[in-house]
N, C-alpha and C. Protein backbone atom coordinates (compact mmCIF):
# COMPACT_ATOMS: atom_id res chain seq x y z
N MET A 1 0.82 -1.19 0.00
CA MET A 1 0.00 0.00 0.00
C MET A 1 0.87 1.26 0.00
N LEU A 2 1.92 1.28 0.82
CA LEU A 2 2.80 2.44 0.91
C LEU A 2 3.39 2.78 -0.46
N ALA A 3 3.89 1.79 -1.15
CA ALA A 3 4.52 2.02 -2.45
C ALA A 3 3.55 2.67 -3.43
N GLU A 4 2.33 2.14 -3.49
CA GLU A 4 1.33 2.71 -4.42
C GLU A 4 0.98 4.14 -4.06
N ARG A 5 0.84 4.39 -2.78
CA ARG A 5 0.45 5.75 -2.35
C ARG A 5 1.58 6.74 -2.58
N LEU A 6 2.81 6.31 -2.37
CA LEU A 6 3.94 7.22 -2.64
C LEU A 6 3.98 7.61 -4.11
N LEU A 7 3.85 6.64 -4.97
CA LEU A 7 3.88 6.91 -6.41
C LEU A 7 2.72 7.83 -6.79
N LYS A 8 1.53 7.53 -6.30
CA LYS A 8 0.34 8.33 -6.61
C LYS A 8 0.51 9.76 -6.14
N LEU A 9 0.95 9.95 -4.91
CA LEU A 9 1.12 11.29 -4.36
C LEU A 9 2.20 12.08 -5.10
N ARG A 10 3.28 11.41 -5.43
CA ARG A 10 4.36 12.10 -6.14
C ARG A 10 3.89 12.59 -7.49
N LYS A 11 3.16 11.74 -8.21
CA LYS A 11 2.66 12.12 -9.54
C LYS A 11 1.60 13.22 -9.43
N GLU A 12 0.69 13.09 -8.46
CA GLU A 12 -0.34 14.12 -8.27
C GLU A 12 0.27 15.48 -7.95
N ASN A 13 1.38 15.46 -7.24
CA ASN A 13 2.06 16.69 -6.84
C ASN A 13 3.12 17.15 -7.85
N LYS A 14 3.22 16.39 -8.96
CA LYS A 14 4.15 16.72 -10.04
C LYS A 14 5.58 16.92 -9.52
N LYS A 15 6.01 15.95 -8.76
CA LYS A 15 7.37 15.96 -8.21
C LYS A 15 8.15 14.81 -8.82
N THR A 16 9.45 15.00 -8.91
CA THR A 16 10.32 13.91 -9.37
C THR A 16 10.78 13.12 -8.15
N GLN A 17 11.26 11.92 -8.42
CA GLN A 17 11.83 11.12 -7.33
C GLN A 17 13.00 11.86 -6.70
N GLN A 18 13.77 12.55 -7.51
CA GLN A 18 14.93 13.29 -7.00
C GLN A 18 14.49 14.41 -6.06
N GLN A 19 13.41 15.11 -6.38
CA GLN A 19 12.92 16.18 -5.51
C GLN A 19 12.50 15.65 -4.16
N VAL A 20 11.80 14.52 -4.17
CA VAL A 20 11.37 13.93 -2.90
C VAL A 20 12.59 13.44 -2.13
N ALA A 21 13.50 12.78 -2.80
CA ALA A 21 14.71 12.28 -2.16
C ALA A 21 15.53 13.43 -1.56
N ASP A 22 15.64 14.53 -2.29
CA ASP A 22 16.38 15.69 -1.77
C ASP A 22 15.74 16.22 -0.50
N PHE A 23 14.40 16.31 -0.49
CA PHE A 23 13.70 16.77 0.70
C PHE A 23 13.98 15.84 1.89
N LEU A 24 13.99 14.54 1.62
CA LEU A 24 14.19 13.55 2.68
C LEU A 24 15.66 13.39 3.06
N LYS A 25 16.54 13.99 2.25
CA LYS A 25 17.99 13.88 2.46
C LYS A 25 18.45 12.42 2.36
N ILE A 26 17.92 11.75 1.31
CA ILE A 26 18.33 10.40 0.99
C ILE A 26 18.66 10.35 -0.50
N THR A 27 19.20 9.26 -0.96
CA THR A 27 19.53 9.14 -2.39
C THR A 27 18.26 8.84 -3.19
N ARG A 28 18.29 9.16 -4.47
CA ARG A 28 17.15 8.85 -5.32
C ARG A 28 16.90 7.35 -5.38
N PRO A 29 17.95 6.50 -5.51
CA PRO A 29 17.69 5.06 -5.51
C PRO A 29 17.01 4.57 -4.22
N ALA A 30 17.35 5.19 -3.10
CA ALA A 30 16.71 4.79 -1.84
C ALA A 30 15.22 5.13 -1.89
N TYR A 31 14.89 6.32 -2.39
CA TYR A 31 13.49 6.69 -2.50
C TYR A 31 12.77 5.80 -3.52
N THR A 32 13.42 5.53 -4.64
CA THR A 32 12.84 4.66 -5.66
C THR A 32 12.46 3.30 -5.06
N ALA A 33 13.30 2.81 -4.17
CA ALA A 33 13.02 1.52 -3.51
C ALA A 33 11.75 1.60 -2.67
N TYR A 34 11.47 2.78 -2.07
CA TYR A 34 10.22 2.95 -1.32
C TYR A 34 9.02 2.83 -2.27
N GLU A 35 9.13 3.47 -3.43
CA GLU A 35 8.03 3.43 -4.39
C GLU A 35 7.84 2.04 -5.00
N ARG A 36 8.89 1.29 -5.07
CA ARG A 36 8.80 -0.08 -5.60
C ARG A 36 8.39 -1.09 -4.54
N GLY A 37 8.47 -0.68 -3.29
CA GLY A 37 8.10 -1.58 -2.20
C GLY A 37 9.20 -2.55 -1.82
N THR A 38 10.40 -2.33 -2.30
CA THR A 38 11.51 -3.22 -1.97
C THR A 38 12.25 -2.76 -0.71
N ARG A 39 11.93 -1.58 -0.25
CA ARG A 39 12.52 -1.03 0.97
C ARG A 39 11.46 -0.18 1.65
N HIS A 40 11.50 -0.12 2.98
CA HIS A 40 10.53 0.66 3.74
C HIS A 40 11.23 1.74 4.56
N PRO A 41 10.64 2.94 4.61
CA PRO A 41 11.26 4.02 5.38
C PRO A 41 11.14 3.77 6.88
N ASP A 42 12.10 4.32 7.62
CA ASP A 42 11.98 4.27 9.08
C ASP A 42 10.91 5.27 9.50
N TYR A 43 10.58 5.27 10.78
CA TYR A 43 9.48 6.09 11.28
C TYR A 43 9.71 7.57 11.01
N GLU A 44 10.93 8.05 11.28
CA GLU A 44 11.24 9.47 11.07
C GLU A 44 11.07 9.86 9.61
N THR A 45 11.54 9.02 8.71
CA THR A 45 11.42 9.30 7.27
C THR A 45 9.96 9.25 6.85
N LEU A 46 9.19 8.32 7.39
CA LEU A 46 7.77 8.23 7.08
C LEU A 46 7.06 9.53 7.47
N GLU A 47 7.40 10.08 8.63
CA GLU A 47 6.82 11.35 9.06
C GLU A 47 7.21 12.48 8.12
N LYS A 48 8.46 12.49 7.67
CA LYS A 48 8.90 13.52 6.72
C LYS A 48 8.15 13.41 5.40
N ILE A 49 7.92 12.18 4.95
CA ILE A 49 7.17 11.97 3.70
C ILE A 49 5.74 12.50 3.87
N ALA A 50 5.13 12.19 5.02
CA ALA A 50 3.77 12.66 5.29
C ALA A 50 3.73 14.19 5.29
N ASP A 51 4.71 14.82 5.89
CA ASP A 51 4.78 16.28 5.90
C ASP A 51 4.98 16.83 4.49
N PHE A 52 5.83 16.19 3.72
CA PHE A 52 6.11 16.64 2.35
C PHE A 52 4.84 16.67 1.51
N PHE A 53 4.04 15.62 1.61
CA PHE A 53 2.82 15.51 0.81
C PHE A 53 1.57 16.03 1.53
N ASN A 54 1.74 16.52 2.77
CA ASN A 54 0.61 17.00 3.57
C ASN A 54 -0.47 15.94 3.74
N VAL A 55 -0.06 14.76 4.12
CA VAL A 55 -0.99 13.66 4.39
C VAL A 55 -0.63 13.06 5.75
N THR A 56 -1.46 12.15 6.21
CA THR A 56 -1.17 11.49 7.48
C THR A 56 -0.32 10.24 7.22
N THR A 57 0.40 9.82 8.23
CA THR A 57 1.15 8.57 8.11
C THR A 57 0.18 7.39 7.98
N ASP A 58 -0.98 7.49 8.63
CA ASP A 58 -1.99 6.44 8.48
C ASP A 58 -2.43 6.30 7.03
N TYR A 59 -2.56 7.42 6.34
CA TYR A 59 -2.93 7.36 4.93
C TYR A 59 -1.81 6.67 4.13
N LEU A 60 -0.58 7.06 4.37
CA LEU A 60 0.55 6.45 3.65
C LEU A 60 0.58 4.93 3.85
N LEU A 61 0.30 4.51 5.07
CA LEU A 61 0.37 3.08 5.39
C LEU A 61 -0.88 2.30 5.01
N GLY A 62 -1.90 3.01 4.52
CA GLY A 62 -3.12 2.34 4.11
C GLY A 62 -4.07 2.04 5.24
N ARG A 63 -3.85 2.65 6.39
CA ARG A 63 -4.73 2.41 7.54
C ARG A 63 -6.01 3.21 7.44
N THR A 64 -6.02 4.24 6.60
CA THR A 64 -7.20 5.05 6.37
C THR A 64 -7.14 5.60 4.95
N ASP A 65 -8.31 5.93 4.43
CA ASP A 65 -8.36 6.59 3.13
C ASP A 65 -8.49 8.09 3.28
N THR A 66 -8.57 8.56 4.53
CA THR A 66 -8.61 9.99 4.78
C THR A 66 -7.21 10.54 4.54
N VAL A 67 -7.12 11.45 3.60
CA VAL A 67 -5.81 11.94 3.17
C VAL A 67 -5.27 12.99 4.13
N LEU A 68 -6.07 13.97 4.48
CA LEU A 68 -5.59 15.11 5.24
C LEU A 68 -6.22 15.18 6.62
N THR A 69 -5.44 15.64 7.57
CA THR A 69 -5.99 15.92 8.89
C THR A 69 -6.39 17.38 8.92
N ALA A 70 -7.14 17.76 9.91
CA ALA A 70 -7.53 19.17 10.06
C ALA A 70 -6.28 20.04 10.20
N ASP A 71 -5.27 19.55 10.93
CA ASP A 71 -4.04 20.32 11.09
C ASP A 71 -3.33 20.51 9.75
N HIS A 72 -3.31 19.47 8.93
CA HIS A 72 -2.71 19.60 7.60
C HIS A 72 -3.47 20.63 6.77
N LEU A 73 -4.79 20.56 6.82
CA LEU A 73 -5.61 21.51 6.06
C LEU A 73 -5.35 22.94 6.52
N LYS A 74 -5.24 23.13 7.82
CA LYS A 74 -4.95 24.46 8.35
C LYS A 74 -3.59 24.95 7.87
N ARG A 75 -2.60 24.06 7.91
CA ARG A 75 -1.25 24.43 7.49
C ARG A 75 -1.26 24.84 6.02
N ILE A 76 -1.95 24.09 5.18
CA ILE A 76 -2.04 24.43 3.76
C ILE A 76 -2.73 25.78 3.62
N SER A 77 -3.83 25.96 4.32
CA SER A 77 -4.60 27.20 4.26
C SER A 77 -3.77 28.39 4.70
N ASN A 78 -3.01 28.24 5.78
CA ASN A 78 -2.23 29.34 6.32
C ASN A 78 -0.97 29.65 5.52
N ASN A 79 -0.52 28.70 4.72
CA ASN A 79 0.73 28.89 3.97
C ASN A 79 0.50 29.23 2.51
N THR A 80 -0.71 29.58 2.14
CA THR A 80 -0.97 29.90 0.75
C THR A 80 -1.26 31.39 0.61
N ASP A 81 -0.77 31.98 -0.44
CA ASP A 81 -1.03 33.40 -0.71
C ASP A 81 -2.34 33.59 -1.44
N GLU A 82 -2.87 32.51 -1.99
CA GLU A 82 -4.09 32.60 -2.79
C GLU A 82 -5.32 32.50 -1.89
N PRO A 83 -6.12 33.58 -1.84
CA PRO A 83 -7.32 33.53 -1.00
C PRO A 83 -8.26 32.41 -1.45
N GLY A 84 -8.83 31.72 -0.48
CA GLY A 84 -9.79 30.67 -0.78
C GLY A 84 -9.17 29.38 -1.29
N MET A 85 -7.86 29.25 -1.22
CA MET A 85 -7.19 28.05 -1.73
C MET A 85 -7.72 26.80 -1.04
N ILE A 86 -8.00 26.92 0.27
CA ILE A 86 -8.48 25.76 1.02
C ILE A 86 -9.79 25.26 0.43
N ASN A 87 -10.60 26.14 -0.15
CA ASN A 87 -11.88 25.75 -0.73
C ASN A 87 -11.70 25.01 -2.06
N LYS A 88 -10.52 25.11 -2.65
CA LYS A 88 -10.26 24.44 -3.92
C LYS A 88 -9.76 23.01 -3.73
N ILE A 89 -9.42 22.67 -2.50
CA ILE A 89 -8.95 21.33 -2.20
C ILE A 89 -10.17 20.44 -2.05
N LYS A 90 -10.19 19.35 -2.78
CA LYS A 90 -11.33 18.44 -2.70
C LYS A 90 -11.25 17.66 -1.40
N LEU A 91 -12.28 17.81 -0.56
CA LEU A 91 -12.31 17.15 0.73
C LEU A 91 -13.31 16.00 0.70
N THR A 92 -12.95 14.94 1.41
CA THR A 92 -13.93 13.88 1.63
C THR A 92 -14.87 14.37 2.72
N GLU A 93 -15.98 13.70 2.90
CA GLU A 93 -16.91 14.04 3.98
C GLU A 93 -16.20 13.94 5.33
N GLU A 94 -15.36 12.91 5.48
CA GLU A 94 -14.63 12.73 6.74
C GLU A 94 -13.72 13.92 7.01
N GLU A 95 -12.98 14.34 5.99
CA GLU A 95 -12.05 15.46 6.16
C GLU A 95 -12.81 16.75 6.46
N HIS A 96 -13.94 16.93 5.81
CA HIS A 96 -14.75 18.11 6.05
C HIS A 96 -15.24 18.14 7.50
N SER A 97 -15.70 17.01 8.00
CA SER A 97 -16.15 16.93 9.39
C SER A 97 -15.01 17.21 10.36
N LEU A 98 -13.85 16.64 10.08
CA LEU A 98 -12.69 16.87 10.95
C LEU A 98 -12.30 18.34 10.98
N LEU A 99 -12.31 18.98 9.82
CA LEU A 99 -11.95 20.39 9.75
C LEU A 99 -12.96 21.24 10.52
N LYS A 100 -14.23 20.93 10.39
CA LYS A 100 -15.27 21.68 11.12
C LYS A 100 -15.08 21.54 12.63
N VAL A 101 -14.86 20.32 13.11
CA VAL A 101 -14.67 20.10 14.54
C VAL A 101 -13.41 20.84 15.01
N HIS A 102 -12.35 20.76 14.24
CA HIS A 102 -11.10 21.46 14.58
C HIS A 102 -11.35 22.96 14.67
N ASP A 103 -12.07 23.53 13.70
CA ASP A 103 -12.38 24.96 13.69
C ASP A 103 -13.19 25.35 14.93
N LEU A 104 -14.17 24.52 15.28
CA LEU A 104 -14.98 24.81 16.46
C LEU A 104 -14.15 24.78 17.74
N ALA A 105 -13.27 23.81 17.84
CA ALA A 105 -12.41 23.71 19.02
C ALA A 105 -11.53 24.95 19.13
N GLU A 106 -10.98 25.38 18.00
CA GLU A 106 -10.16 26.58 17.97
C GLU A 106 -10.99 27.82 18.33
N LYS A 107 -12.17 27.92 17.74
CA LYS A 107 -13.06 29.07 17.94
C LYS A 107 -13.40 29.25 19.41
N TYR A 108 -13.63 28.15 20.11
CA TYR A 108 -14.04 28.23 21.50
C TYR A 108 -12.91 27.97 22.48
N GLY A 109 -11.70 27.99 21.98
CA GLY A 109 -10.54 27.91 22.85
C GLY A 109 -10.32 26.56 23.51
N ILE A 110 -10.82 25.52 22.90
CA ILE A 110 -10.61 24.18 23.45
C ILE A 110 -9.36 23.63 22.77
N GLU A 111 -8.24 23.74 23.45
CA GLU A 111 -6.94 23.46 22.84
C GLU A 111 -6.61 21.98 22.73
N ASP A 112 -6.94 21.23 23.75
CA ASP A 112 -6.54 19.82 23.78
C ASP A 112 -7.64 18.95 23.18
N MET A 113 -7.48 18.63 21.89
CA MET A 113 -8.50 17.84 21.21
C MET A 113 -8.22 16.33 21.29
N GLY A 114 -7.31 15.94 22.15
CA GLY A 114 -7.00 14.53 22.29
C GLY A 114 -8.04 13.77 23.10
N PHE A 115 -9.13 14.42 23.50
CA PHE A 115 -10.12 13.77 24.35
C PHE A 115 -11.07 12.88 23.57
N PHE A 116 -10.92 12.81 22.25
CA PHE A 116 -11.82 11.95 21.51
C PHE A 116 -11.06 11.09 20.52
N ASP A 117 -11.69 10.03 20.13
CA ASP A 117 -11.12 9.15 19.12
C ASP A 117 -11.53 9.70 17.75
N ILE A 118 -10.58 10.17 17.00
CA ILE A 118 -10.86 10.84 15.73
C ILE A 118 -11.65 9.97 14.76
N GLU A 119 -11.46 8.67 14.82
CA GLU A 119 -12.18 7.76 13.92
C GLU A 119 -13.69 7.82 14.15
N GLU A 120 -14.08 8.13 15.38
CA GLU A 120 -15.50 8.20 15.72
C GLU A 120 -16.15 9.50 15.23
N TRP A 121 -15.34 10.49 14.88
CA TRP A 121 -15.86 11.80 14.55
C TRP A 121 -15.88 12.09 13.05
N LYS A 122 -15.45 11.15 12.25
CA LYS A 122 -15.28 11.42 10.82
C LYS A 122 -16.58 11.53 10.03
N ASN A 123 -17.62 10.89 10.50
CA ASN A 123 -18.86 10.85 9.72
C ASN A 123 -19.95 11.75 10.27
N LEU A 124 -19.55 12.87 10.84
CA LEU A 124 -20.52 13.79 11.41
C LEU A 124 -21.29 14.52 10.31
N SER A 125 -22.58 14.69 10.55
CA SER A 125 -23.41 15.46 9.62
C SER A 125 -23.32 16.93 10.01
N PRO A 126 -23.77 17.84 9.14
CA PRO A 126 -23.80 19.26 9.51
C PRO A 126 -24.61 19.50 10.79
N HIS A 127 -25.70 18.75 10.96
CA HIS A 127 -26.50 18.88 12.18
C HIS A 127 -25.68 18.46 13.40
N ASP A 128 -24.93 17.36 13.28
CA ASP A 128 -24.08 16.91 14.38
C ASP A 128 -23.06 17.98 14.75
N ILE A 129 -22.49 18.58 13.75
CA ILE A 129 -21.47 19.61 13.99
C ILE A 129 -22.10 20.82 14.68
N LYS A 130 -23.31 21.20 14.27
CA LYS A 130 -24.02 22.31 14.93
C LYS A 130 -24.28 21.98 16.39
N MET A 131 -24.65 20.74 16.66
CA MET A 131 -24.88 20.33 18.05
C MET A 131 -23.60 20.42 18.86
N ILE A 132 -22.49 20.03 18.27
CA ILE A 132 -21.19 20.13 18.95
C ILE A 132 -20.87 21.58 19.25
N GLU A 133 -21.13 22.46 18.28
CA GLU A 133 -20.89 23.89 18.49
C GLU A 133 -21.70 24.39 19.68
N GLU A 134 -22.97 24.02 19.74
CA GLU A 134 -23.81 24.45 20.85
C GLU A 134 -23.29 23.89 22.18
N HIS A 135 -22.83 22.67 22.15
CA HIS A 135 -22.27 22.04 23.34
C HIS A 135 -21.01 22.79 23.79
N PHE A 136 -20.13 23.11 22.84
CA PHE A 136 -18.91 23.85 23.17
C PHE A 136 -19.26 25.21 23.78
N LYS A 137 -20.25 25.90 23.20
CA LYS A 137 -20.68 27.19 23.75
C LYS A 137 -21.11 27.02 25.20
N MET A 138 -21.91 25.99 25.46
CA MET A 138 -22.41 25.75 26.80
C MET A 138 -21.25 25.45 27.76
N ILE A 139 -20.33 24.62 27.34
CA ILE A 139 -19.20 24.26 28.20
C ILE A 139 -18.39 25.50 28.57
N VAL A 140 -18.09 26.33 27.59
CA VAL A 140 -17.30 27.53 27.82
C VAL A 140 -18.05 28.48 28.76
N LYS A 141 -19.35 28.65 28.52
CA LYS A 141 -20.17 29.54 29.37
C LYS A 141 -20.18 29.03 30.81
N LEU A 142 -20.42 27.75 31.00
CA LEU A 142 -20.47 27.18 32.35
C LEU A 142 -19.11 27.28 33.05
N ALA A 143 -18.05 27.06 32.31
CA ALA A 143 -16.71 27.16 32.90
C ALA A 143 -16.43 28.59 33.35
N LYS A 144 -16.82 29.57 32.52
CA LYS A 144 -16.62 30.97 32.90
C LYS A 144 -17.44 31.32 34.15
N GLU A 145 -18.68 30.87 34.18
CA GLU A 145 -19.52 31.12 35.35
C GLU A 145 -18.94 30.45 36.59
N ARG A 146 -18.48 29.24 36.44
CA ARG A 146 -17.89 28.50 37.57
C ARG A 146 -16.65 29.22 38.08
N ASN A 147 -15.80 29.67 37.16
CA ASN A 147 -14.58 30.39 37.56
C ASN A 147 -14.92 31.72 38.22
N LYS A 148 -15.94 32.39 37.71
CA LYS A 148 -16.37 33.67 38.29
C LYS A 148 -16.90 33.44 39.70
N ASP A 149 -17.74 32.40 39.87
CA ASP A 149 -18.28 32.07 41.20
C ASP A 149 -17.16 31.71 42.17
N LYS A 150 -16.17 30.97 41.68
CA LYS A 150 -15.03 30.55 42.51
C LYS A 150 -14.23 31.78 42.94
N ASP A 151 -13.99 32.70 42.00
CA ASP A 151 -13.25 33.92 42.33
C ASP A 151 -14.00 34.77 43.34
N ASN A 152 -15.35 34.86 43.18
CA ASN A 152 -16.16 35.65 44.12
C ASN A 152 -16.16 35.04 45.51
N SER A 153 -16.23 33.71 45.59
CA SER A 153 -16.27 33.06 46.92
C SER A 153 -14.91 33.15 47.61
N GLU A 154 -13.84 33.09 46.86
CA GLU A 154 -12.50 33.20 47.44
C GLU A 154 -12.20 34.63 47.85
N GLY A 155 -12.73 35.57 47.12
CA GLY A 155 -12.49 36.98 47.43
C GLY A 155 -13.26 37.46 48.64
N GLY A 156 -14.36 36.76 48.96
CA GLY A 156 -15.22 37.17 50.07
C GLY A 156 -14.79 36.59 51.40
N ASP A 157 -13.79 35.73 51.45
CA ASP A 157 -13.38 35.10 52.70
C ASP A 157 -12.66 36.02 53.61
């Protein structure tokens, strides 16, 4: 699976084997062996390949068909000079749901998104996402009220 995905991604991105090898700081024959499946990259190199193509390591390894994570999409969006470039990237429903949840977490200041299993969140409908937004609003409001009440009770002692 890795070999096929490497070849596909390289061609889609119009890169030569030498360009990818140069980025990875390996020889072209070493990279060619990855595409042929006769050699496998170590973990660090696999991560570099994922970064180069803006995909997940799970996608490279065939563990998922979801190409981009919300973080990858954000990085692409933030690093482009062309307005609306993120809208030109074809997203799967899963990727769209992930990006929406990521945006909501960012919007409401919920930094640690490790509290959920991402696989469970990929098939959210727009209604589901709206419900999550309302839930996040409620959580933030209650936390602020709780902190305000705590500050008032401590200040009155």
